[in-house]
């Protein structure tokens, strides 16, 4: 349903455009290279072993772990908050030793 000018231009382009060709040797080399890269990838990043018990952790276990992490964070924040409040009331700058942040893992 295109206009005649478009059809003429398309026919001229197809007449000049080179035909696509594929070399079987190149295709085979690409396949070999892809296979080798997959093997190297599996060596570098092995699939994790399947967990014998595929059941996910229970909701209650996850909730308890989050509560423990929150409680630990709160306990660590109390001394700092107290020192900052005391420094504000005294009009000085709070000197609180920095504690390394614990790394948190997620499920």
C-alpha atoms as a PDB file:
ATOM      1  CA  UNK A   1       0.000   0.000   0.000  1.00  0.00           C
ATOM      2  CA  UNK A   2       3.009   2.296  -0.324  1.00  0.00           C
ATOM      3  CA  UNK A   3       3.165   5.078  -2.869  1.00  0.00           C
ATOM      4  CA  UNK A   4       4.739   4.318  -6.277  1.00  0.00           C
ATOM      5  CA  UNK A   5       7.810   6.485  -5.524  1.00  0.00           C
ATOM      6  CA  UNK A   6       8.564   4.481  -2.423  1.00  0.00           C
ATOM      7  CA  UNK A   7       8.177   1.211  -4.299  1.00  0.00           C
ATOM      8  CA  UNK A   8      10.582   2.446  -7.004  1.00  0.00           C
ATOM      9  CA  UNK A   9      13.160   3.534  -4.408  1.00  0.00           C
ATOM     10  CA  UNK A  10      12.864   0.212  -2.595  1.00  0.00           C
ATOM     11  CA  UNK A  11      13.342  -1.759  -5.817  1.00  0.00           C
ATOM     12  CA  UNK A  12      16.426   0.343  -6.666  1.00  0.00           C
ATOM     13  CA  UNK A  13      17.882  -0.248  -3.217  1.00  0.00           C
ATOM     14  CA  UNK A  14      17.300  -3.999  -3.402  1.00  0.00           C
ATOM     15  CA  UNK A  15      18.970  -4.106  -6.809  1.00  0.00           C
ATOM     16  CA  UNK A  16      22.120  -2.440  -5.449  1.00  0.00           C
ATOM     17  CA  UNK A  17      22.242  -3.959  -1.947  1.00  0.00           C
ATOM     18  CA  UNK A  18      24.602  -6.923  -1.683  1.00  0.00           C
ATOM     19  CA  UNK A  19      23.139 -10.284  -0.870  1.00  0.00           C
ATOM     20  CA  UNK A  20      23.753 -11.585   2.596  1.00  0.00           C
ATOM     21  CA  UNK A  21      25.946 -14.595   2.767  1.00  0.00           C
ATOM     22  CA  UNK A  22      27.254 -16.642   5.619  1.00  0.00           C
ATOM     23  CA  UNK A  23      30.434 -18.598   5.691  1.00  0.00           C
ATOM     24  CA  UNK A  24      29.984 -21.979   7.406  1.00  0.00           C
ATOM     25  CA  UNK A  25      33.547 -21.841   8.727  1.00  0.00           C
ATOM     26  CA  UNK A  26      32.858 -18.504  10.413  1.00  0.00           C
ATOM     27  CA  UNK A  27      29.597 -19.783  11.886  1.00  0.00           C
ATOM     28  CA  UNK A  28      31.409 -22.849  13.239  1.00  0.00           C
ATOM     29  CA  UNK A  29      34.156 -20.684  14.752  1.00  0.00           C
ATOM     30  CA  UNK A  30      31.558 -18.513  16.449  1.00  0.00           C
ATOM     31  CA  UNK A  31      29.877 -21.598  17.910  1.00  0.00           C
ATOM     32  CA  UNK A  32      33.222 -22.921  19.208  1.00  0.00           C
ATOM     33  CA  UNK A  33      34.057 -19.591  20.761  1.00  0.00           C
ATOM     34  CA  UNK A  34      30.627 -19.312  22.397  1.00  0.00           C
ATOM     35  CA  UNK A  35      30.934 -22.830  23.791  1.00  0.00           C
ATOM     36  CA  UNK A  36      34.417 -22.095  25.156  1.00  0.00           C
ATOM     37  CA  UNK A  37      33.237 -18.852  26.766  1.00  0.00           C
ATOM     38  CA  UNK A  38      30.336 -20.669  28.463  1.00  0.00           C
ATOM     39  CA  UNK A  39      32.718 -23.300  29.841  1.00  0.00           C
ATOM     40  CA  UNK A  40      35.082 -20.628  31.156  1.00  0.00           C
ATOM     41  CA  UNK A  41      32.152 -18.765  32.663  1.00  0.00           C
ATOM     42  CA  UNK A  42      31.019 -21.886  34.504  1.00  0.00           C
ATOM     43  CA  UNK A  43      34.551 -22.396  35.836  1.00  0.00           C
ATOM     44  CA  UNK A  44      34.800 -18.795  37.021  1.00  0.00           C
ATOM     45  CA  UNK A  45      31.243 -18.600  38.367  1.00  0.00           C
ATOM     46  CA  UNK A  46      30.124 -22.109  39.300  1.00  0.00           C
ATOM     47  CA  UNK A  47      26.476 -22.774  39.880  1.00  0.00           C
ATOM     48  CA  UNK A  48      25.686 -22.926  43.601  1.00  0.00           C
ATOM     49  CA  UNK A  49      24.899 -26.370  44.892  1.00  0.00           C
ATOM     50  CA  UNK A  50      21.217 -27.006  45.221  1.00  0.00           C
ATOM     51  CA  UNK A  51      20.019 -26.800  48.771  1.00  0.00           C
ATOM     52  CA  UNK A  52      18.772 -30.163  49.906  1.00  0.00           C
ATOM     53  CA  UNK A  53      15.859 -28.629  51.710  1.00  0.00           C
ATOM     54  CA  UNK A  54      14.359 -26.219  49.195  1.00  0.00           C
ATOM     55  CA  UNK A  55      11.917 -24.872  51.745  1.00  0.00           C
ATOM     56  CA  UNK A  56      12.547 -21.172  52.357  1.00  0.00           C
ATOM     57  CA  UNK A  57      13.156 -19.887  55.844  1.00  0.00           C
ATOM     58  CA  UNK A  58       9.949 -19.457  57.733  1.00  0.00           C
ATOM     59  CA  UNK A  59       8.353 -16.061  58.048  1.00  0.00           C
ATOM     60  CA  UNK A  60       8.820 -16.150  61.815  1.00  0.00           C
ATOM     61  CA  UNK A  61      12.551 -16.848  61.493  1.00  0.00           C
ATOM     62  CA  UNK A  62      13.004 -13.915  59.122  1.00  0.00           C
ATOM     63  CA  UNK A  63      10.975 -11.633  61.395  1.00  0.00           C
ATOM     64  CA  UNK A  64      13.027 -12.685  64.442  1.00  0.00           C
ATOM     65  CA  UNK A  65      16.282 -12.054  62.583  1.00  0.00           C
ATOM     66  CA  UNK A  66      15.126  -8.571  61.533  1.00  0.00           C
ATOM     67  CA  UNK A  67      14.105  -7.793  65.108  1.00  0.00           C
ATOM     68  CA  UNK A  68      17.527  -8.890  66.378  1.00  0.00           C
ATOM     69  CA  UNK A  69      19.261  -6.694  63.811  1.00  0.00           C
ATOM     70  CA  UNK A  70      17.054  -3.724  64.745  1.00  0.00           C
ATOM     71  CA  UNK A  71      17.723  -4.252  68.445  1.00  0.00           C
ATOM     72  CA  UNK A  72      21.480  -4.436  67.860  1.00  0.00           C
ATOM     73  CA  UNK A  73      21.329  -1.254  65.810  1.00  0.00           C
ATOM     74  CA  UNK A  74      19.356   0.508  68.557  1.00  0.00           C
ATOM     75  CA  UNK A  75      21.798  -0.609  71.243  1.00  0.00           C
ATOM     76  CA  UNK A  76      24.704   0.715  69.179  1.00  0.00           C
ATOM     77  CA  UNK A  77      22.938   4.050  68.563  1.00  0.00           C
ATOM     78  CA  UNK A  78      22.109   4.822  72.214  1.00  0.00           C
ATOM     79  CA  UNK A  79      25.622   5.846  73.371  1.00  0.00           C
ATOM     80  CA  UNK A  80      26.069   8.055  70.347  1.00  0.00           C
ATOM     81  CA  UNK A  81      22.699   9.755  70.837  1.00  0.00           C
ATOM     82  CA  UNK A  82      23.453  10.348  74.523  1.00  0.00           C
ATOM     83  CA  UNK A  83      26.858  11.835  73.724  1.00  0.00           C
ATOM     84  CA  UNK A  84      25.380  14.108  71.054  1.00  0.00           C
ATOM     85  CA  UNK A  85      22.605  15.301  73.403  1.00  0.00           C
ATOM     86  CA  UNK A  86      25.106  16.007  76.173  1.00  0.00           C
ATOM     87  CA  UNK A  87      27.316  17.941  73.735  1.00  0.00           C
ATOM     88  CA  UNK A  88      24.343  20.009  72.516  1.00  0.00           C
ATOM     89  CA  UNK A  89      23.368  20.868  76.063  1.00  0.00           C
ATOM     90  CA  UNK A  90      26.960  21.800  76.916  1.00  0.00           C
ATOM     91  CA  UNK A  91      27.395  23.744  73.674  1.00  0.00           C
ATOM     92  CA  UNK A  92      30.356  21.651  72.522  1.00  0.00           C
ATOM     93  CA  UNK A  93      30.972  19.163  69.776  1.00  0.00           C
ATOM     94  CA  UNK A  94      30.320  15.522  70.534  1.00  0.00           C
ATOM     95  CA  UNK A  95      33.320  13.236  70.357  1.00  0.00           C
ATOM     96  CA  UNK A  96      32.042   9.741  69.742  1.00  0.00           C
ATOM     97  CA  UNK A  97      34.342   6.974  68.523  1.00  0.00           C
ATOM     98  CA  UNK A  98      33.135   5.508  65.253  1.00  0.00           C
ATOM     99  CA  UNK A  99      32.226   1.866  65.397  1.00  0.00           C
ATOM    100  CA  UNK A 100      32.658  -0.195  62.243  1.00  0.00           C
ATOM    101  CA  UNK A 101      29.325  -0.886  60.644  1.00  0.00           C
ATOM    102  CA  UNK A 102      28.380  -4.536  60.747  1.00  0.00           C
ATOM    103  CA  UNK A 103      27.717  -6.055  57.361  1.00  0.00           C
ATOM    104  CA  UNK A 104      24.171  -7.199  56.929  1.00  0.00           C
ATOM    105  CA  UNK A 105      23.159 -10.156  54.873  1.00  0.00           C
ATOM    106  CA  UNK A 106      19.839 -10.443  53.172  1.00  0.00           C
ATOM    107  CA  UNK A 107      17.765 -13.452  52.409  1.00  0.00           C
END
